[in-house]
Structures are given as C-alpha cells and as structure tokens.
C-alpha atoms as a PDB file:
ATOM      1  CA  MET A   1      27.541 141.567 -14.351  1.00  0.00           C
ATOM      2  CA  LYS A   2      28.212 143.956 -11.562  1.00  0.00           C
ATOM      3  CA  GLU A   3      26.207 143.078  -8.454  1.00  0.00           C
ATOM      4  CA  ARG A   4      24.287 146.189  -7.052  1.00  0.00           C
ATOM      5  CA  LYS A   5      25.394 147.375  -3.828  1.00  0.00           C
ATOM      6  CA  ARG A   6      22.278 149.773  -3.013  1.00  0.00           C
ATOM      7  CA  LEU A   7      18.697 150.049  -3.836  1.00  0.00           C
ATOM      8  CA  ASP A   8      17.649 153.505  -5.243  1.00  0.00           C
ATOM      9  CA  THR A   9      14.076 154.410  -5.273  1.00  0.00           C
ATOM     10  CA  VAL A  10      11.858 156.930  -6.236  1.00  0.00           C
ATOM     11  CA  ALA A  11       8.742 157.027  -4.258  1.00  0.00           C
ATOM     12  CA  HIS A  12       7.117 160.004  -6.076  1.00  0.00           C
ATOM     13  CA  TRP A  13       8.143 162.018  -9.000  1.00  0.00           C
ATOM     14  CA  PRO A  14       6.754 165.628  -8.531  1.00  0.00           C
ATOM     15  CA  TRP A  15       5.248 166.323 -11.774  1.00  0.00           C
ATOM     16  CA  GLU A  16       3.317 162.863 -11.660  1.00  0.00           C
ATOM     17  CA  SER A  17      -0.080 162.952  -9.716  1.00  0.00           C
ATOM     18  CA  PRO A  18       0.312 161.690  -6.289  1.00  0.00           C
ATOM     19  CA  ASP A  19      -1.806 158.767  -7.093  1.00  0.00           C
ATOM     20  CA  VAL A  20       0.254 156.902  -9.623  1.00  0.00           C
ATOM     21  CA  LEU A  21       2.757 155.396  -7.399  1.00  0.00           C
ATOM     22  CA  GLY A  22       1.652 155.653  -3.647  1.00  0.00           C
ATOM     23  CA  SER A  23       4.424 156.862  -2.601  1.00  0.00           C
ATOM     24  CA  ILE A  24       4.710 155.260   1.173  1.00  0.00           C
ATOM     25  CA  SER A  25       3.457 151.464  -0.488  1.00  0.00           C
ATOM     26  CA  VAL A  26       6.793 152.029  -2.876  1.00  0.00           C
ATOM     27  CA  LEU A  27       8.876 152.978   0.507  1.00  0.00           C
ATOM     28  CA  ARG A  28       7.631 149.645   2.311  1.00  0.00           C
ATOM     29  CA  GLN A  29       8.346 147.742  -0.594  1.00  0.00           C
ATOM     30  CA  SER A  30      11.994 148.951  -0.869  1.00  0.00           C
ATOM     31  CA  ARG A  31      12.295 148.382   2.910  1.00  0.00           C
ATOM     32  CA  VAL A  32      11.151 144.801   2.377  1.00  0.00           C
ATOM     33  CA  MET A  33      13.573 144.345  -0.329  1.00  0.00           C
ATOM     34  CA  ARG A  34      16.362 145.740   1.961  1.00  0.00           C
ATOM     35  CA  PHE A  35      15.940 143.180   4.601  1.00  0.00           C
ATOM     36  CA  GLN A  36      15.528 140.515   1.771  1.00  0.00           C
ATOM     37  CA  PHE A  37      19.046 141.361  -0.126  1.00  0.00           C
ATOM     38  CA  SER A  38      21.054 142.894   2.560  1.00  0.00           C
ATOM     39  CA  ILE A  39      21.109 146.613   0.788  1.00  0.00           C
ATOM     40  CA  PRO A  40      20.602 150.004   1.821  1.00  0.00           C
ATOM     41  CA  VAL A  41      17.681 152.363   0.785  1.00  0.00           C
ATOM     42  CA  VAL A  42      18.505 155.472  -0.660  1.00  0.00           C
ATOM     43  CA  THR A  43      16.032 158.041  -1.514  1.00  0.00           C
ATOM     44  CA  GLU A  44      15.403 161.350  -2.800  1.00  0.00           C
ATOM     45  CA  VAL A  45      13.295 163.982  -0.134  1.00  0.00           C
ATOM     46  CA  VAL A  46      11.761 166.726  -2.216  1.00  0.00           C
ATOM     47  CA  ASP A  47       9.457 168.253   0.216  1.00  0.00           C
ATOM     48  CA  SER A  48      10.429 169.251   3.960  1.00  0.00           C
ATOM     49  CA  HIS A  49       6.993 167.946   5.070  1.00  0.00           C
ATOM     50  CA  ASP A  50       7.922 164.392   4.073  1.00  0.00           C
ATOM     51  CA  VAL A  51      11.428 164.223   5.680  1.00  0.00           C
ATOM     52  CA  ASP A  52       9.916 161.855   8.593  1.00  0.00           C
ATOM     53  CA  LYS A  53       7.595 159.826   6.909  1.00  0.00           C
ATOM     54  CA  VAL A  54      10.516 158.965   4.619  1.00  0.00           C
ATOM     55  CA  SER A  55      13.359 158.673   6.541  1.00  0.00           C
ATOM     56  CA  ARG A  56      11.321 156.116   8.708  1.00  0.00           C
ATOM     57  CA  TYR A  57      11.616 153.635   5.399  1.00  0.00           C
ATOM     58  CA  ALA A  58      15.207 154.619   3.991  1.00  0.00           C
ATOM     59  CA  ASP A  59      18.318 154.051   5.149  1.00  0.00           C
ATOM     60  CA  ILE A  60      20.002 157.149   3.072  1.00  0.00           C
ATOM     61  CA  LEU A  61      18.334 160.318   2.303  1.00  0.00           C
ATOM     62  CA  GLN A  62      19.811 161.983  -0.943  1.00  0.00           C
ATOM     63  CA  ILE A  63      19.261 165.589  -2.083  1.00  0.00           C
ATOM     64  CA  GLY A  64      19.130 166.112  -5.617  1.00  0.00           C
ATOM     65  CA  ALA A  65      20.720 168.795  -7.689  1.00  0.00           C
ATOM     66  CA  ARG A  66      17.328 170.513  -8.064  1.00  0.00           C
ATOM     67  CA  ASN A  67      16.935 171.087  -4.266  1.00  0.00           C
ATOM     68  CA  MET A  68      20.272 172.025  -3.164  1.00  0.00           C
ATOM     69  CA  GLN A  69      19.075 175.699  -2.683  1.00  0.00           C
ATOM     70  CA  ASN A  70      15.621 174.678  -1.238  1.00  0.00           C
ATOM     71  CA  TYR A  71      17.133 175.918   2.160  1.00  0.00           C
ATOM     72  CA  ALA A  72      13.689 174.828   4.290  1.00  0.00           C
ATOM     73  CA  LEU A  73      14.529 171.304   2.881  1.00  0.00           C
ATOM     74  CA  LEU A  74      18.148 171.234   3.737  1.00  0.00           C
ATOM     75  CA  THR A  75      17.630 172.498   7.367  1.00  0.00           C
ATOM     76  CA  GLU A  76      14.640 170.084   7.859  1.00  0.00           C
ATOM     77  CA  ILE A  77      16.747 166.985   6.572  1.00  0.00           C
ATOM     78  CA  GLY A  78      19.963 168.361   8.861  1.00  0.00           C
ATOM     79  CA  LYS A  79      17.413 167.274  11.659  1.00  0.00           C
ATOM     80  CA  SER A  80      16.943 163.659  10.908  1.00  0.00           C
ATOM     81  CA  LYS A  81      19.278 160.801  11.904  1.00  0.00           C
ATOM     82  CA  CYS A  82      19.835 159.422   8.534  1.00  0.00           C
ATOM     83  CA  PRO A  83      23.021 159.955   6.888  1.00  0.00           C
ATOM     84  CA  ILE A  84      22.591 162.444   3.588  1.00  0.00           C
ATOM     85  CA  VAL A  85      23.766 162.225   0.232  1.00  0.00           C
ATOM     86  CA  LEU A  86      24.089 166.096  -1.205  1.00  0.00           C
ATOM     87  CA  LYS A  87      24.337 166.280  -4.861  1.00  0.00           C
ATOM     88  CA  ARG A  88      25.836 168.988  -6.684  1.00  0.00           C
ATOM     89  CA  GLY A  89      24.753 170.583  -9.747  1.00  0.00           C
ATOM     90  CA  LEU A  90      26.457 171.167 -12.763  1.00  0.00           C
ATOM     91  CA  SER A  91      26.106 174.592 -12.808  1.00  0.00           C
ATOM     92  CA  ALA A  92      26.153 175.172  -9.158  1.00  0.00           C
ATOM     93  CA  THR A  93      29.638 176.786  -7.767  1.00  0.00           C
ATOM     94  CA  VAL A  94      31.613 174.787  -4.731  1.00  0.00           C
ATOM     95  CA  THR A  95      30.355 177.815  -2.822  1.00  0.00           C
ATOM     96  CA  GLU A  96      26.628 177.237  -3.204  1.00  0.00           C
ATOM     97  CA  TRP A  97      27.497 173.799  -2.702  1.00  0.00           C
ATOM     98  CA  LEU A  98      28.838 174.499   0.387  1.00  0.00           C
ATOM     99  CA  THR A  99      25.942 176.493   1.335  1.00  0.00           C
ATOM    100  CA  ALA A 100      23.963 173.886   1.024  1.00  0.00           C
ATOM    101  CA  ALA A 101      26.182 171.829   3.644  1.00  0.00           C
ATOM    102  CA  ASP A 102      25.897 174.703   5.926  1.00  0.00           C
ATOM    103  CA  TYR A 103      21.911 174.467   5.835  1.00  0.00           C
ATOM    104  CA  LEU A 104      22.470 170.820   6.596  1.00  0.00           C
ATOM    105  CA  LEU A 105      24.403 171.598   9.271  1.00  0.00           C
ATOM    106  CA  ALA A 106      22.392 174.476  10.468  1.00  0.00           C
ATOM    107  CA  GLY A 107      19.826 171.459  11.469  1.00  0.00           C
ATOM    108  CA  ALA A 108      21.886 170.199  14.080  1.00  0.00           C
ATOM    109  CA  ARG A 109      23.668 167.495  11.376  1.00  0.00           C
ATOM    110  CA  PRO A 110      26.857 165.662  12.601  1.00  0.00           C
ATOM    111  CA  VAL A 111      29.439 166.090   9.683  1.00  0.00           C
ATOM    112  CA  ASP A 112      30.058 162.371   9.607  1.00  0.00           C
ATOM    113  CA  LYS A 113      26.958 161.877   8.559  1.00  0.00           C
ATOM    114  CA  LEU A 114      27.215 163.962   5.336  1.00  0.00           C
ATOM    115  CA  LEU A 115      28.291 162.292   2.127  1.00  0.00           C
ATOM    116  CA  TRP A 116      29.395 164.364  -0.906  1.00  0.00           C
ATOM    117  CA  LEU A 117      28.878 164.010  -4.504  1.00  0.00           C
END
C-alpha cells in the first residue's frame, strides 16, 4: 500500500449546513493528526472571510477549480503566509489560470510559495 504523504481536509462543503461538520473543529483535529503523523495539512478555502482562520490550522491552502475566478478570494489568500496550490479547471485556458496567479501575486504573494497543478 502506498504511503500517504499529506492530509487533505475538507472542513465545510458550501452546499451543506455549517452545523454539519463544525469546520473549525475539523481543522483542529487535522492539526493534531499533522503533529501525530508528521504530514502537512492541505485544505481548500472557499470564502475570503475564512482565510485567516483556516491558515492558522492548515499548512498549505488550496484553491479549487471552482474558485479560480473568485478574485476577492485570490487576493485575500495572496496575503497569507501559507503556500498555495492553485488548481486549474478542465475548461479553463492557460491565460485564465495565469490571470488567477496574477491575482495571488497582487496580494504580495512570493512566487516561490505558489504550487501549480
């Protein structure tokens, strides 16, 4: 069996009630597992108001294909100190993908902290 190198977490799906998972408690539990198993926590941020809360618990912030054109979110995540994974949607052009990266850089994001997928 292949050894897992990171812990992907989903603290809150936007289509569910916020009470379903208790997003901060999931992130806290993920952080405990991170120290227990020595693996980084990767989680997706879907709202610009949650960037500060999520970046306290996650090691790497992920931007999914759906939020690639959410420019307010991209700018806010660009201000965080966590590394970022920027996913590209299947129908998105390379120009759109690079435009999303420009919005991350507009938030004073160092280029070496950007992971491209």
